[in-house]
């Protein structure tokens, strides 16, 4: 695994854990000042659903990458062939899209006002920045003009019904 890949994962985990800790502190202070926020059962169900969807997306996109993105032997979490099949035919970063759902799922599961509305969106922003500033430039370096053409043809994230269907059918 490349160092930049490790750094992205470490950064993402740090922001996820930091968001949880900061939300606990923020929610405690909000509660102490009289602000009460509860989703209760509905919020927890939303949280479980988002975490389940995130896991399903990660599983399906991982299978697609493993099936079409590896020729020969490559380090774990790496590919050496640009994948344009399956979900990758309509969305450039489906796995990251799934990862963006995870913080919100955790936030709803925790029933945390500050995590839902402050820290999870910040976590999503960090994931987006990591993709734009590190992941995509590395992909351009690895795949060259082929990736630049792919960027022109396929959106970063695609929320169309057909694309969503591909997310869940693997």
Protein backbone atom coordinates (compact mmCIF):
# COMPACT_ATOMS: atom_id res chain seq x y z
CA UNK A 1 0.00 0.00 0.00
CA UNK A 2 1.36 3.42 -0.97
CA UNK A 3 2.16 5.96 1.73
CA UNK A 4 -0.43 8.40 0.32
CA UNK A 5 -3.09 5.68 0.57
CA UNK A 6 -2.17 5.07 4.20
CA UNK A 7 -2.18 8.80 4.92
CA UNK A 8 -5.65 9.18 3.38
CA UNK A 9 -7.02 6.33 5.51
CA UNK A 10 -5.32 7.62 8.66
CA UNK A 11 -6.58 11.17 8.03
CA UNK A 12 -10.11 9.91 7.42
CA UNK A 13 -10.10 7.79 10.61
CA UNK A 14 -8.69 10.68 12.65
CA UNK A 15 -11.44 12.99 11.41
CA UNK A 16 -14.08 10.33 12.07
CA UNK A 17 -12.90 9.76 15.66
CA UNK A 18 -12.31 13.47 16.23
CA UNK A 19 -15.85 14.20 15.00
CA UNK A 20 -17.27 11.68 17.46
CA UNK A 21 -15.28 13.11 20.38
CA UNK A 22 -16.02 16.74 19.51
CA UNK A 23 -19.70 15.98 19.05
CA UNK A 24 -19.88 14.36 22.49
CA UNK A 25 -18.36 17.49 24.03
CA UNK A 26 -20.47 19.88 21.94
CA UNK A 27 -23.71 18.00 22.63
CA UNK A 28 -22.90 17.93 26.35
CA UNK A 29 -22.41 21.71 26.33
CA UNK A 30 -25.60 22.21 24.30
CA UNK A 31 -27.55 20.02 26.70
CA UNK A 32 -26.11 21.91 29.67
CA UNK A 33 -27.31 25.17 28.12
CA UNK A 34 -30.84 23.77 27.78
CA UNK A 35 -30.82 22.65 24.13
CA UNK A 36 -32.35 19.19 23.76
CA UNK A 37 -32.30 17.26 20.48
CA UNK A 38 -33.62 13.73 20.05
CA UNK A 39 -34.38 11.63 17.01
CA UNK A 40 -34.76 8.59 19.19
CA UNK A 41 -35.65 5.34 17.41
CA UNK A 42 -36.18 6.92 13.97
CA UNK A 43 -32.74 8.54 14.03
CA UNK A 44 -31.06 5.34 15.07
CA UNK A 45 -32.83 3.45 12.28
CA UNK A 46 -31.67 6.09 9.79
CA UNK A 47 -28.15 5.70 11.18
CA UNK A 48 -28.21 1.91 10.85
CA UNK A 49 -29.56 2.21 7.32
CA UNK A 50 -26.82 4.67 6.28
CA UNK A 51 -24.10 2.47 7.80
CA UNK A 52 -25.56 -0.59 6.05
CA UNK A 53 -25.72 1.27 2.72
CA UNK A 54 -22.15 2.51 3.18
CA UNK A 55 -20.94 -1.05 3.85
CA UNK A 56 -22.85 -2.43 0.88
CA UNK A 57 -21.40 0.21 -1.42
CA UNK A 58 -17.87 -0.50 -0.15
CA UNK A 59 -18.36 -4.24 -0.71
CA UNK A 60 -19.79 -3.88 -4.22
CA UNK A 61 -17.26 -1.30 -5.41
CA UNK A 62 -14.40 -3.25 -3.87
CA UNK A 63 -15.48 -6.36 -5.79
CA UNK A 64 -15.65 -4.35 -9.02
CA UNK A 65 -12.16 -2.92 -8.46
CA UNK A 66 -10.76 -6.34 -7.63
CA UNK A 67 -12.42 -7.93 -10.69
CA UNK A 68 -11.44 -5.30 -13.30
CA UNK A 69 -8.71 -3.10 -11.82
CA UNK A 70 -5.90 -5.54 -11.11
CA UNK A 71 -3.56 -7.13 -13.60
CA UNK A 72 -0.89 -9.30 -12.01
CA UNK A 73 0.28 -8.64 -8.49
CA UNK A 74 -0.34 -5.24 -6.90
CA UNK A 75 -0.26 -3.97 -3.30
CA UNK A 76 -3.44 -4.20 -1.22
CA UNK A 77 -5.98 -1.41 -1.87
CA UNK A 78 -4.27 -0.59 -5.18
CA UNK A 79 -5.21 -1.04 -8.82
CA UNK A 80 -3.09 -0.90 -11.94
CA UNK A 81 -5.88 -0.69 -14.53
CA UNK A 82 -8.47 2.07 -14.85
CA UNK A 83 -11.91 0.62 -14.15
CA UNK A 84 -14.75 1.92 -16.29
CA UNK A 85 -17.17 -0.97 -15.83
CA UNK A 86 -20.14 -1.41 -13.54
CA UNK A 87 -20.66 1.49 -11.17
CA UNK A 88 -17.44 3.08 -12.41
CA UNK A 89 -19.10 3.66 -15.79
CA UNK A 90 -21.39 6.31 -14.30
CA UNK A 91 -19.55 7.57 -11.16
CA UNK A 92 -15.80 8.12 -10.66
CA UNK A 93 -15.79 7.74 -6.86
CA UNK A 94 -18.54 5.39 -5.73
CA UNK A 95 -16.53 3.93 -2.84
CA UNK A 96 -15.83 7.41 -1.53
CA UNK A 97 -19.50 8.25 -1.90
CA UNK A 98 -20.21 5.30 0.41
CA UNK A 99 -17.56 6.52 2.83
CA UNK A 100 -19.24 9.93 2.86
CA UNK A 101 -22.44 8.29 4.12
CA UNK A 102 -20.71 6.59 7.04
CA UNK A 103 -20.13 9.68 9.25
CA UNK A 104 -23.78 10.70 8.88
CA UNK A 105 -24.84 7.15 9.72
CA UNK A 106 -22.73 7.22 12.88
CA UNK A 107 -24.09 10.68 13.71
CA UNK A 108 -27.72 9.53 13.48
CA UNK A 109 -26.91 6.35 15.40
CA UNK A 110 -25.40 8.50 18.17
CA UNK A 111 -28.44 10.81 18.03
CA UNK A 112 -25.96 13.68 18.01
CA UNK A 113 -27.14 17.10 16.85
CA UNK A 114 -23.63 18.50 16.46
CA UNK A 115 -22.32 15.43 14.63
CA UNK A 116 -25.26 15.38 12.20
CA UNK A 117 -25.09 19.08 11.38
CA UNK A 118 -21.45 20.09 12.01
CA UNK A 119 -18.85 17.33 12.30
CA UNK A 120 -20.16 14.74 9.81
CA UNK A 121 -20.48 17.39 7.06
CA UNK A 122 -16.91 18.49 7.88
CA UNK A 123 -15.80 14.86 7.62
CA UNK A 124 -17.50 14.61 4.23
CA UNK A 125 -15.74 17.80 3.15
CA UNK A 126 -12.37 16.32 4.20
CA UNK A 127 -13.06 13.19 2.13
CA UNK A 128 -13.96 15.39 -0.86
CA UNK A 129 -10.77 17.46 -0.46
CA UNK A 130 -8.60 14.32 -0.15
CA UNK A 131 -10.08 13.01 -3.39
CA UNK A 132 -9.66 16.27 -5.32
CA UNK A 133 -6.19 17.17 -4.00
CA UNK A 134 -4.57 13.72 -3.68
CA UNK A 135 -6.57 10.87 -5.22
CA UNK A 136 -7.39 12.39 -8.60
CA UNK A 137 -3.91 13.90 -9.22
CA UNK A 138 -2.42 10.46 -8.39
CA UNK A 139 -4.86 8.81 -10.80
CA UNK A 140 -3.84 11.27 -13.51
CA UNK A 141 -0.21 10.45 -12.76
CA UNK A 142 -0.92 6.72 -12.92
CA UNK A 143 -3.28 6.57 -15.92
CA UNK A 144 -2.47 9.84 -17.74
CA UNK A 145 -4.72 11.00 -20.57
CA UNK A 146 -6.98 7.96 -20.11
CA UNK A 147 -8.00 9.26 -16.66
CA UNK A 148 -8.37 12.86 -17.89
CA UNK A 149 -10.77 11.60 -20.59
CA UNK A 150 -12.58 9.54 -17.94
CA UNK A 151 -12.95 12.69 -15.80
CA UNK A 152 -14.51 14.51 -18.76
CA UNK A 153 -16.97 11.69 -19.45
CA UNK A 154 -17.95 10.46 -15.98
CA UNK A 155 -19.06 12.70 -13.08
CA UNK A 156 -17.39 12.69 -9.66
CA UNK A 157 -20.62 11.45 -8.05
CA UNK A 158 -23.81 10.62 -9.92
CA UNK A 159 -27.13 10.48 -8.08
CA UNK A 160 -29.23 9.21 -11.00
CA UNK A 161 -31.51 6.22 -10.49
CA UNK A 162 -29.58 4.03 -12.96
CA UNK A 163 -26.29 4.81 -11.25
CA UNK A 164 -27.78 4.09 -7.83
CA UNK A 165 -29.05 0.79 -9.17
CA UNK A 166 -25.48 -0.13 -10.20
CA UNK A 167 -24.24 0.78 -6.70
CA UNK A 168 -26.32 -1.96 -5.15
CA UNK A 169 -26.13 -4.66 -7.80
CA UNK A 170 -22.34 -4.96 -7.72
